[in-house]
Amino acid sequence: MIKSELVQKIAEQNPHLYQRDVENIVNAIFDEITGALSDGDRVELRGFGAFSVKHRGARTGRNPRTGEKVEVEAKAVPFFKTGKELRERLNEQS
């Protein structure tokens, strides 16, 4: 599912809201999550999961095309850990 499909689905479930308002709400939620992560905070959505930032140190990598050694800088990467409820729903026996 892409963001526009999410907006469409929410708009269909809430006919009293304009689609542009739903789009603004979805964008606001994503902006808040992104802002919190960029500030180094953790974002937890109960039953769904938690977003956090992991820091990877600098290392020596390899260019797969040439085999040449390349220095890879330290960086921060987003990390998502599923919540218990989501994990259980994904693993339900049908």
N, C-alpha and C. Protein backbone atom coordinates (compact mmCIF):
# COMPACT_ATOMS: atom_id res chain seq x y z
N MET A 1 0.85 -1.17 0.00
CA MET A 1 0.00 0.00 0.00
C MET A 1 0.90 1.24 0.00
N ILE A 2 0.57 2.18 -0.84
CA ILE A 2 1.30 3.44 -0.88
C ILE A 2 0.48 4.51 -0.17
N LYS A 3 1.11 5.67 0.08
CA LYS A 3 0.47 6.71 0.87
C LYS A 3 -0.87 7.15 0.27
N SER A 4 -0.94 7.30 -1.05
CA SER A 4 -2.20 7.74 -1.67
C SER A 4 -3.31 6.72 -1.47
N GLU A 5 -2.96 5.43 -1.47
CA GLU A 5 -3.96 4.39 -1.21
C GLU A 5 -4.43 4.45 0.24
N LEU A 6 -3.52 4.74 1.15
CA LEU A 6 -3.89 4.88 2.56
C LEU A 6 -4.84 6.06 2.74
N VAL A 7 -4.54 7.18 2.11
CA VAL A 7 -5.41 8.36 2.18
C VAL A 7 -6.78 8.02 1.62
N GLN A 8 -6.83 7.35 0.49
CA GLN A 8 -8.10 6.98 -0.15
C GLN A 8 -8.92 6.07 0.77
N LYS A 9 -8.28 5.09 1.37
CA LYS A 9 -8.98 4.14 2.25
C LYS A 9 -9.56 4.84 3.48
N ILE A 10 -8.77 5.73 4.08
CA ILE A 10 -9.25 6.47 5.25
C ILE A 10 -10.40 7.39 4.85
N ALA A 11 -10.30 8.03 3.68
CA ALA A 11 -11.36 8.92 3.20
C ALA A 11 -12.65 8.14 2.96
N GLU A 12 -12.53 6.93 2.43
CA GLU A 12 -13.72 6.10 2.20
C GLU A 12 -14.38 5.69 3.52
N GLN A 13 -13.58 5.43 4.54
CA GLN A 13 -14.11 5.02 5.85
C GLN A 13 -14.66 6.20 6.64
N ASN A 14 -14.32 7.42 6.23
CA ASN A 14 -14.78 8.63 6.92
C ASN A 14 -15.35 9.61 5.91
N PRO A 15 -16.57 9.33 5.40
CA PRO A 15 -17.13 10.18 4.34
C PRO A 15 -17.40 11.62 4.77
N HIS A 16 -17.42 11.88 6.08
CA HIS A 16 -17.65 13.24 6.56
C HIS A 16 -16.40 14.11 6.45
N LEU A 17 -15.26 13.52 6.09
CA LEU A 17 -14.01 14.27 5.92
C LEU A 17 -13.69 14.44 4.44
N TYR A 18 -13.17 15.61 4.09
CA TYR A 18 -12.70 15.82 2.73
C TYR A 18 -11.40 15.06 2.53
N GLN A 19 -11.18 14.60 1.30
CA GLN A 19 -9.96 13.85 1.02
C GLN A 19 -8.72 14.69 1.27
N ARG A 20 -8.77 15.98 0.97
CA ARG A 20 -7.60 16.84 1.20
C ARG A 20 -7.30 16.96 2.70
N ASP A 21 -8.35 16.93 3.54
CA ASP A 21 -8.13 16.98 4.98
C ASP A 21 -7.49 15.69 5.48
N VAL A 22 -7.94 14.56 4.94
CA VAL A 22 -7.36 13.27 5.31
C VAL A 22 -5.89 13.25 4.89
N GLU A 23 -5.60 13.76 3.70
CA GLU A 23 -4.21 13.80 3.22
C GLU A 23 -3.35 14.67 4.14
N ASN A 24 -3.90 15.80 4.60
CA ASN A 24 -3.17 16.66 5.54
C ASN A 24 -2.91 15.96 6.86
N ILE A 25 -3.89 15.19 7.33
CA ILE A 25 -3.74 14.45 8.59
C ILE A 25 -2.65 13.39 8.46
N VAL A 26 -2.69 12.62 7.38
CA VAL A 26 -1.69 11.57 7.16
C VAL A 26 -0.30 12.20 7.04
N ASN A 27 -0.18 13.29 6.30
CA ASN A 27 1.11 13.97 6.18
C ASN A 27 1.59 14.50 7.53
N ALA A 28 0.67 15.01 8.34
CA ALA A 28 1.04 15.53 9.67
C ALA A 28 1.56 14.40 10.56
N ILE A 29 0.94 13.24 10.49
CA ILE A 29 1.39 12.09 11.29
C ILE A 29 2.79 11.68 10.86
N PHE A 30 3.00 11.54 9.55
CA PHE A 30 4.33 11.15 9.06
C PHE A 30 5.38 12.21 9.40
N ASP A 31 5.01 13.49 9.31
CA ASP A 31 5.95 14.56 9.64
C ASP A 31 6.34 14.51 11.12
N GLU A 32 5.37 14.22 11.99
CA GLU A 32 5.66 14.14 13.42
C GLU A 32 6.57 12.96 13.73
N ILE A 33 6.31 11.82 13.09
CA ILE A 33 7.17 10.65 13.30
C ILE A 33 8.58 10.96 12.81
N THR A 34 8.70 11.54 11.63
CA THR A 34 10.00 11.89 11.07
C THR A 34 10.73 12.89 11.95
N GLY A 35 10.00 13.90 12.43
CA GLY A 35 10.61 14.91 13.29
C GLY A 35 11.11 14.32 14.60
N ALA A 36 10.30 13.44 15.20
CA ALA A 36 10.72 12.82 16.45
C ALA A 36 11.96 11.97 16.25
N LEU A 37 12.00 11.20 15.16
CA LEU A 37 13.17 10.36 14.89
C LEU A 37 14.41 11.22 14.64
N SER A 38 14.25 12.32 13.92
CA SER A 38 15.40 13.17 13.64
C SER A 38 15.91 13.86 14.91
N ASP A 39 15.05 14.00 15.92
CA ASP A 39 15.46 14.55 17.22
C ASP A 39 16.07 13.47 18.12
N GLY A 40 16.08 12.23 17.63
CA GLY A 40 16.65 11.13 18.41
C GLY A 40 15.65 10.44 19.33
N ASP A 41 14.38 10.80 19.21
CA ASP A 41 13.34 10.18 20.04
C ASP A 41 12.87 8.87 19.44
N ARG A 42 12.15 8.13 20.25
CA ARG A 42 11.55 6.85 19.83
C ARG A 42 10.05 7.09 19.69
N VAL A 43 9.43 6.50 18.67
CA VAL A 43 7.99 6.66 18.46
C VAL A 43 7.35 5.29 18.60
N GLU A 44 6.44 5.17 19.55
CA GLU A 44 5.78 3.88 19.78
C GLU A 44 4.29 4.02 19.50
N LEU A 45 3.78 3.13 18.65
CA LEU A 45 2.35 3.06 18.36
C LEU A 45 1.86 1.74 18.94
N ARG A 46 1.20 1.78 20.08
CA ARG A 46 0.80 0.57 20.80
C ARG A 46 0.07 -0.40 19.89
N GLY A 47 0.49 -1.65 19.94
CA GLY A 47 -0.14 -2.69 19.14
C GLY A 47 0.40 -2.78 17.72
N PHE A 48 1.04 -1.71 17.26
CA PHE A 48 1.57 -1.69 15.89
C PHE A 48 3.07 -1.91 15.90
N GLY A 49 3.79 -1.05 16.61
CA GLY A 49 5.23 -1.20 16.66
C GLY A 49 5.91 0.07 17.11
N ALA A 50 7.22 0.04 17.09
CA ALA A 50 8.01 1.19 17.54
C ALA A 50 9.07 1.53 16.50
N PHE A 51 9.20 2.82 16.25
CA PHE A 51 10.23 3.34 15.36
C PHE A 51 11.34 3.92 16.23
N SER A 52 12.57 3.64 15.86
CA SER A 52 13.71 4.22 16.57
C SER A 52 14.83 4.45 15.57
N VAL A 53 15.90 5.04 16.05
CA VAL A 53 17.06 5.31 15.20
C VAL A 53 18.23 4.50 15.72
N LYS A 54 18.90 3.80 14.83
CA LYS A 54 20.12 3.08 15.18
C LYS A 54 21.28 3.77 14.49
N HIS A 55 22.39 3.82 15.20
CA HIS A 55 23.58 4.48 14.66
C HIS A 55 24.57 3.42 14.21
N ARG A 56 25.03 3.56 13.00
CA ARG A 56 26.03 2.65 12.45
C ARG A 56 27.35 3.38 12.35
N GLY A 57 28.38 2.76 12.85
CA GLY A 57 29.69 3.38 12.82
C GLY A 57 30.30 3.38 11.43
N ALA A 58 31.38 4.16 11.30
CA ALA A 58 32.11 4.20 10.04
C ALA A 58 32.79 2.85 9.83
N ARG A 59 32.96 2.49 8.58
CA ARG A 59 33.58 1.19 8.28
C ARG A 59 34.20 1.26 6.89
N THR A 60 34.96 0.23 6.59
CA THR A 60 35.53 0.11 5.25
C THR A 60 34.66 -0.86 4.46
N GLY A 61 34.11 -0.38 3.36
CA GLY A 61 33.26 -1.20 2.51
C GLY A 61 34.00 -1.55 1.23
N ARG A 62 33.26 -2.11 0.29
CA ARG A 62 33.85 -2.52 -0.97
C ARG A 62 32.91 -2.16 -2.10
N ASN A 63 33.44 -1.57 -3.13
CA ASN A 63 32.66 -1.26 -4.33
C ASN A 63 32.42 -2.58 -5.05
N PRO A 64 31.17 -3.03 -5.19
CA PRO A 64 30.92 -4.33 -5.80
C PRO A 64 31.31 -4.41 -7.27
N ARG A 65 31.36 -3.28 -7.93
CA ARG A 65 31.68 -3.27 -9.35
C ARG A 65 33.19 -3.43 -9.60
N THR A 66 33.96 -2.70 -8.79
CA THR A 66 35.40 -2.71 -9.02
C THR A 66 36.18 -3.51 -7.99
N GLY A 67 35.56 -3.79 -6.84
CA GLY A 67 36.25 -4.49 -5.77
C GLY A 67 37.14 -3.57 -4.95
N GLU A 68 37.15 -2.30 -5.30
CA GLU A 68 37.97 -1.31 -4.62
C GLU A 68 37.42 -1.04 -3.21
N LYS A 69 38.31 -0.84 -2.23
CA LYS A 69 37.88 -0.51 -0.86
C LYS A 69 37.39 0.93 -0.82
N VAL A 70 36.29 1.13 -0.07
CA VAL A 70 35.68 2.44 0.03
C VAL A 70 35.37 2.71 1.50
N GLU A 71 35.65 3.92 1.95
CA GLU A 71 35.31 4.29 3.33
C GLU A 71 33.82 4.69 3.38
N VAL A 72 33.08 4.04 4.28
CA VAL A 72 31.66 4.35 4.46
C VAL A 72 31.53 5.14 5.76
N GLU A 73 30.93 6.31 5.68
CA GLU A 73 30.80 7.19 6.84
C GLU A 73 29.80 6.62 7.85
N ALA A 74 29.91 7.07 9.09
CA ALA A 74 28.93 6.73 10.12
C ALA A 74 27.59 7.34 9.71
N LYS A 75 26.50 6.66 10.07
CA LYS A 75 25.19 7.19 9.70
C LYS A 75 24.13 6.68 10.67
N ALA A 76 23.01 7.37 10.66
CA ALA A 76 21.85 6.97 11.46
C ALA A 76 20.84 6.36 10.50
N VAL A 77 20.25 5.23 10.90
CA VAL A 77 19.25 4.56 10.05
C VAL A 77 17.98 4.30 10.86
N PRO A 78 16.81 4.43 10.22
CA PRO A 78 15.57 4.15 10.93
C PRO A 78 15.43 2.65 11.17
N PHE A 79 14.81 2.31 12.29
CA PHE A 79 14.60 0.91 12.65
C PHE A 79 13.17 0.76 13.14
N PHE A 80 12.49 -0.32 12.71
CA PHE A 80 11.11 -0.57 13.13
C PHE A 80 11.03 -1.94 13.78
N LYS A 81 10.44 -1.99 14.96
CA LYS A 81 10.22 -3.25 15.64
C LYS A 81 8.71 -3.43 15.78
N THR A 82 8.21 -4.56 15.27
CA THR A 82 6.76 -4.79 15.32
C THR A 82 6.29 -4.97 16.75
N GLY A 83 5.03 -4.55 16.97
CA GLY A 83 4.40 -4.74 18.25
C GLY A 83 3.82 -6.15 18.35
N LYS A 84 3.50 -6.54 19.57
CA LYS A 84 2.99 -7.88 19.81
C LYS A 84 1.69 -8.15 19.05
N GLU A 85 0.78 -7.19 19.08
CA GLU A 85 -0.52 -7.37 18.42
C GLU A 85 -0.36 -7.54 16.92
N LEU A 86 0.47 -6.73 16.29
CA LEU A 86 0.71 -6.85 14.84
C LEU A 86 1.35 -8.19 14.52
N ARG A 87 2.34 -8.58 15.29
CA ARG A 87 3.02 -9.86 15.07
C ARG A 87 2.03 -11.02 15.18
N GLU A 88 1.15 -10.98 16.17
CA GLU A 88 0.15 -12.04 16.34
C GLU A 88 -0.83 -12.09 15.17
N ARG A 89 -1.25 -10.91 14.69
CA ARG A 89 -2.19 -10.89 13.56
C ARG A 89 -1.56 -11.41 12.28
N LEU A 90 -0.26 -11.12 12.11
CA LEU A 90 0.44 -11.62 10.92
C LEU A 90 0.64 -13.13 10.96
N ASN A 91 0.69 -13.69 12.16
CA ASN A 91 0.96 -15.12 12.31
C ASN A 91 -0.25 -15.93 12.72
N GLU A 92 -1.45 -15.38 12.53
CA GLU A 92 -2.67 -16.12 12.83
C GLU A 92 -2.78 -17.35 11.94
N GLN A 93 -3.25 -18.43 12.52
CA GLN A 93 -3.51 -19.65 11.74
C GLN A 93 -4.90 -19.55 11.16
N SER A 94 -5.03 -19.60 9.85
CA SER A 94 -6.34 -19.44 9.18
C SER A 94 -7.02 -20.78 9.02
